[in-house]
Amino acid sequence: MLIQSSVIVRAFREYFELLWERAVPYGAHDDEDGPLPAAQMKILRLLVQGLPNQVIADQVGVSITTVGRHANAIRDALGVQNSFAIGATAVHQGLVD
């Protein structure tokens, strides 16, 4: 099926984004012990090193969009506004060395 209406395409994209934010990888277990899921902890460690999102995406094996989504979720979970604050807060809370 080919959808050409920009209104419908935009609605589908918004719906997908909403679902994506709530998605949990198949077989993933909730980690009650830490503030972040394992995938986000892995990305957090790479963000703290100052690596660009594309390099992180290549190392983790996900798209750059997924890295961005995880970075946004990490910012929300830590209650910070930017990448520098992610690193400072993560170190201060003992999440990374």
N, C-alpha and C. Protein backbone atom coordinates (compact mmCIF):
# COMPACT_ATOMS: atom_id res chain seq x y z
N MET A 1 0.84 -1.16 0.00
CA MET A 1 0.00 0.00 0.00
C MET A 1 0.89 1.24 0.00
N LEU A 2 0.57 2.19 -0.83
CA LEU A 2 1.30 3.43 -0.94
C LEU A 2 0.43 4.56 -0.41
N ILE A 3 0.92 5.23 0.60
CA ILE A 3 0.17 6.34 1.19
C ILE A 3 0.84 7.63 0.75
N GLN A 4 0.09 8.48 0.09
CA GLN A 4 0.67 9.72 -0.43
C GLN A 4 0.23 10.96 0.34
N SER A 5 -0.77 10.83 1.16
CA SER A 5 -1.26 11.98 1.92
C SER A 5 -0.29 12.31 3.05
N SER A 6 0.22 13.52 3.05
CA SER A 6 1.19 13.92 4.08
C SER A 6 0.55 13.93 5.48
N VAL A 7 -0.73 14.20 5.55
CA VAL A 7 -1.43 14.21 6.83
C VAL A 7 -1.45 12.81 7.43
N ILE A 8 -1.76 11.82 6.61
CA ILE A 8 -1.80 10.44 7.08
C ILE A 8 -0.41 9.95 7.44
N VAL A 9 0.57 10.27 6.62
CA VAL A 9 1.95 9.86 6.90
C VAL A 9 2.42 10.47 8.22
N ARG A 10 2.12 11.76 8.44
CA ARG A 10 2.50 12.43 9.68
C ARG A 10 1.82 11.77 10.88
N ALA A 11 0.55 11.42 10.73
CA ALA A 11 -0.18 10.76 11.83
C ALA A 11 0.42 9.40 12.15
N PHE A 12 0.77 8.63 11.11
CA PHE A 12 1.41 7.34 11.34
C PHE A 12 2.76 7.51 12.04
N ARG A 13 3.52 8.52 11.63
CA ARG A 13 4.82 8.74 12.24
C ARG A 13 4.67 9.10 13.72
N GLU A 14 3.74 9.99 14.03
CA GLU A 14 3.51 10.37 15.42
C GLU A 14 3.08 9.17 16.26
N TYR A 15 2.23 8.33 15.69
CA TYR A 15 1.78 7.13 16.39
C TYR A 15 2.95 6.18 16.62
N PHE A 16 3.78 6.00 15.60
CA PHE A 16 4.96 5.15 15.73
C PHE A 16 5.88 5.67 16.82
N GLU A 17 6.12 7.00 16.83
CA GLU A 17 7.00 7.59 17.85
C GLU A 17 6.45 7.34 19.25
N LEU A 18 5.13 7.47 19.41
CA LEU A 18 4.50 7.21 20.70
C LEU A 18 4.71 5.77 21.13
N LEU A 19 4.50 4.83 20.20
CA LEU A 19 4.70 3.42 20.52
C LEU A 19 6.16 3.11 20.79
N TRP A 20 7.05 3.72 20.03
CA TRP A 20 8.49 3.46 20.17
C TRP A 20 8.98 3.86 21.56
N GLU A 21 8.47 4.98 22.08
CA GLU A 21 8.89 5.43 23.41
C GLU A 21 8.51 4.43 24.49
N ARG A 22 7.46 3.68 24.26
CA ARG A 22 6.98 2.71 25.26
C ARG A 22 7.46 1.30 24.98
N ALA A 23 8.18 1.10 23.90
CA ALA A 23 8.58 -0.24 23.48
C ALA A 23 9.63 -0.83 24.42
N VAL A 24 9.56 -2.11 24.60
CA VAL A 24 10.54 -2.87 25.38
C VAL A 24 11.04 -3.98 24.47
N PRO A 25 12.36 -4.15 24.35
CA PRO A 25 12.87 -5.21 23.49
C PRO A 25 12.31 -6.57 23.89
N TYR A 26 12.05 -7.39 22.91
CA TYR A 26 11.51 -8.72 23.15
C TYR A 26 12.46 -9.50 24.05
N GLY A 27 11.94 -10.07 25.09
CA GLY A 27 12.74 -10.87 26.01
C GLY A 27 13.49 -10.06 27.05
N ALA A 28 13.36 -8.74 27.00
CA ALA A 28 14.07 -7.90 27.97
C ALA A 28 13.38 -7.99 29.33
N HIS A 29 14.19 -7.93 30.35
CA HIS A 29 13.67 -7.96 31.72
C HIS A 29 13.86 -6.59 32.32
N ASP A 30 12.91 -6.16 33.11
CA ASP A 30 13.04 -4.91 33.81
C ASP A 30 14.13 -5.05 34.86
N ASP A 31 15.06 -4.12 34.86
CA ASP A 31 16.14 -4.13 35.85
C ASP A 31 15.74 -3.21 36.99
N GLU A 32 15.22 -3.79 38.05
CA GLU A 32 14.74 -3.02 39.19
C GLU A 32 15.88 -2.46 40.02
N ASP A 33 17.10 -2.99 39.83
CA ASP A 33 18.22 -2.58 40.67
C ASP A 33 18.83 -1.25 40.26
N GLY A 34 18.72 -0.87 39.00
CA GLY A 34 19.36 0.34 38.53
C GLY A 34 18.35 1.32 37.96
N PRO A 35 18.80 2.56 37.80
CA PRO A 35 17.91 3.59 37.29
C PRO A 35 17.66 3.48 35.79
N LEU A 36 18.54 2.77 35.08
CA LEU A 36 18.44 2.66 33.62
C LEU A 36 18.53 1.20 33.18
N PRO A 37 17.83 0.86 32.09
CA PRO A 37 17.96 -0.49 31.52
C PRO A 37 19.39 -0.71 31.01
N ALA A 38 19.75 -1.96 30.83
CA ALA A 38 21.11 -2.31 30.42
C ALA A 38 21.52 -1.64 29.11
N ALA A 39 20.62 -1.59 28.14
CA ALA A 39 20.95 -0.96 26.84
C ALA A 39 21.27 0.52 27.03
N GLN A 40 20.52 1.18 27.89
CA GLN A 40 20.77 2.60 28.13
C GLN A 40 22.05 2.81 28.94
N MET A 41 22.36 1.89 29.83
CA MET A 41 23.62 1.99 30.57
C MET A 41 24.81 1.88 29.62
N LYS A 42 24.70 0.99 28.64
CA LYS A 42 25.77 0.83 27.66
C LYS A 42 25.95 2.13 26.87
N ILE A 43 24.84 2.72 26.45
CA ILE A 43 24.91 3.98 25.70
C ILE A 43 25.40 5.10 26.60
N LEU A 44 24.98 5.11 27.86
CA LEU A 44 25.43 6.13 28.80
C LEU A 44 26.95 6.11 28.93
N ARG A 45 27.52 4.92 29.07
CA ARG A 45 28.99 4.81 29.20
C ARG A 45 29.69 5.40 27.99
N LEU A 46 29.13 5.20 26.80
CA LEU A 46 29.74 5.74 25.58
C LEU A 46 29.51 7.24 25.46
N LEU A 47 28.34 7.72 25.89
CA LEU A 47 28.07 9.16 25.88
C LEU A 47 29.04 9.90 26.80
N VAL A 48 29.30 9.33 27.96
CA VAL A 48 30.20 9.96 28.92
C VAL A 48 31.61 10.08 28.37
N GLN A 49 31.98 9.18 27.47
CA GLN A 49 33.28 9.25 26.82
C GLN A 49 33.36 10.35 25.78
N GLY A 50 32.20 10.97 25.48
CA GLY A 50 32.18 12.06 24.51
C GLY A 50 32.09 11.62 23.07
N LEU A 51 31.71 10.36 22.86
CA LEU A 51 31.62 9.86 21.49
C LEU A 51 30.40 10.42 20.77
N PRO A 52 30.53 10.69 19.47
CA PRO A 52 29.37 11.15 18.69
C PRO A 52 28.32 10.03 18.57
N ASN A 53 27.07 10.42 18.37
CA ASN A 53 25.98 9.45 18.28
C ASN A 53 26.21 8.41 17.19
N GLN A 54 26.78 8.81 16.06
CA GLN A 54 27.01 7.85 14.97
C GLN A 54 28.01 6.78 15.39
N VAL A 55 29.05 7.16 16.11
CA VAL A 55 30.04 6.19 16.58
C VAL A 55 29.39 5.25 17.60
N ILE A 56 28.57 5.81 18.49
CA ILE A 56 27.87 4.98 19.48
C ILE A 56 26.95 4.01 18.77
N ALA A 57 26.21 4.49 17.76
CA ALA A 57 25.30 3.63 17.01
C ALA A 57 26.06 2.47 16.37
N ASP A 58 27.21 2.76 15.78
CA ASP A 58 28.03 1.72 15.15
C ASP A 58 28.52 0.71 16.18
N GLN A 59 28.96 1.18 17.34
CA GLN A 59 29.50 0.28 18.36
C GLN A 59 28.42 -0.59 19.00
N VAL A 60 27.23 -0.02 19.19
CA VAL A 60 26.16 -0.75 19.86
C VAL A 60 25.37 -1.60 18.86
N GLY A 61 25.41 -1.20 17.59
CA GLY A 61 24.69 -1.96 16.57
C GLY A 61 23.24 -1.54 16.43
N VAL A 62 22.97 -0.25 16.64
CA VAL A 62 21.63 0.29 16.47
C VAL A 62 21.71 1.51 15.56
N SER A 63 20.56 2.06 15.21
CA SER A 63 20.55 3.25 14.35
C SER A 63 20.87 4.49 15.18
N ILE A 64 21.28 5.53 14.48
CA ILE A 64 21.56 6.80 15.15
C ILE A 64 20.29 7.36 15.78
N THR A 65 19.15 7.09 15.17
CA THR A 65 17.87 7.53 15.73
C THR A 65 17.61 6.85 17.07
N THR A 66 17.92 5.56 17.16
CA THR A 66 17.73 4.82 18.40
C THR A 66 18.66 5.36 19.49
N VAL A 67 19.89 5.70 19.12
CA VAL A 67 20.81 6.29 20.10
C VAL A 67 20.23 7.61 20.61
N GLY A 68 19.68 8.41 19.72
CA GLY A 68 19.06 9.67 20.14
C GLY A 68 17.89 9.46 21.08
N ARG A 69 17.09 8.45 20.78
CA ARG A 69 15.95 8.15 21.66
C ARG A 69 16.42 7.70 23.04
N HIS A 70 17.45 6.85 23.05
CA HIS A 70 18.00 6.41 24.34
C HIS A 70 18.62 7.59 25.09
N ALA A 71 19.31 8.47 24.38
CA ALA A 71 19.91 9.65 25.04
C ALA A 71 18.82 10.52 25.65
N ASN A 72 17.71 10.69 24.94
CA ASN A 72 16.58 11.47 25.50
C ASN A 72 16.02 10.79 26.73
N ALA A 73 15.87 9.47 26.68
CA ALA A 73 15.35 8.72 27.83
C ALA A 73 16.31 8.82 29.02
N ILE A 74 17.61 8.79 28.75
CA ILE A 74 18.61 8.92 29.81
C ILE A 74 18.52 10.31 30.44
N ARG A 75 18.41 11.35 29.60
CA ARG A 75 18.25 12.71 30.12
C ARG A 75 17.02 12.81 31.02
N ASP A 76 15.91 12.23 30.55
CA ASP A 76 14.68 12.26 31.35
C ASP A 76 14.85 11.52 32.68
N ALA A 77 15.47 10.33 32.62
CA ALA A 77 15.64 9.52 33.82
C ALA A 77 16.55 10.21 34.85
N LEU A 78 17.56 10.91 34.34
CA LEU A 78 18.49 11.59 35.25
C LEU A 78 18.01 12.99 35.62
N GLY A 79 16.99 13.48 34.92
CA GLY A 79 16.44 14.80 35.22
C GLY A 79 17.36 15.94 34.81
N VAL A 80 18.05 15.77 33.67
CA VAL A 80 18.98 16.80 33.20
C VAL A 80 18.54 17.30 31.82
N GLN A 81 19.20 18.38 31.37
CA GLN A 81 18.79 19.04 30.14
C GLN A 81 19.72 18.82 28.95
N ASN A 82 20.98 18.46 29.17
CA ASN A 82 21.91 18.37 28.04
C ASN A 82 22.92 17.25 28.26
N SER A 83 23.73 17.03 27.23
CA SER A 83 24.69 15.92 27.26
C SER A 83 25.76 16.11 28.33
N PHE A 84 26.21 17.33 28.53
CA PHE A 84 27.22 17.56 29.56
C PHE A 84 26.67 17.17 30.93
N ALA A 85 25.42 17.56 31.17
CA ALA A 85 24.79 17.24 32.45
C ALA A 85 24.58 15.75 32.62
N ILE A 86 24.37 15.03 31.51
CA ILE A 86 24.27 13.57 31.59
C ILE A 86 25.55 13.02 32.21
N GLY A 87 26.69 13.43 31.67
CA GLY A 87 27.97 12.94 32.16
C GLY A 87 28.23 13.31 33.60
N ALA A 88 27.99 14.57 33.92
CA ALA A 88 28.24 15.03 35.30
C ALA A 88 27.35 14.30 36.30
N THR A 89 26.08 14.17 35.96
CA THR A 89 25.15 13.51 36.86
C THR A 89 25.46 12.02 36.99
N ALA A 90 25.79 11.39 35.87
CA ALA A 90 26.11 9.95 35.89
C ALA A 90 27.33 9.67 36.76
N VAL A 91 28.34 10.52 36.68
CA VAL A 91 29.53 10.35 37.51
C VAL A 91 29.18 10.62 38.97
N HIS A 92 28.43 11.70 39.22
CA HIS A 92 28.06 12.07 40.58
C HIS A 92 27.23 10.97 41.25
N GLN A 93 26.34 10.31 40.48
CA GLN A 93 25.50 9.25 41.04
C GLN A 93 26.19 7.89 41.07
N GLY A 94 27.43 7.84 40.56
CA GLY A 94 28.17 6.58 40.58
C GLY A 94 27.73 5.59 39.52
N LEU A 95 27.04 6.07 38.48
CA LEU A 95 26.61 5.17 37.41
C LEU A 95 27.76 4.79 36.49
N VAL A 96 28.74 5.69 36.38
CA VAL A 96 29.93 5.45 35.55
C VAL A 96 31.15 5.94 36.32
N ASP A 97 32.30 5.48 35.88
CA ASP A 97 33.57 5.91 36.52
C ASP A 97 34.08 7.19 35.91
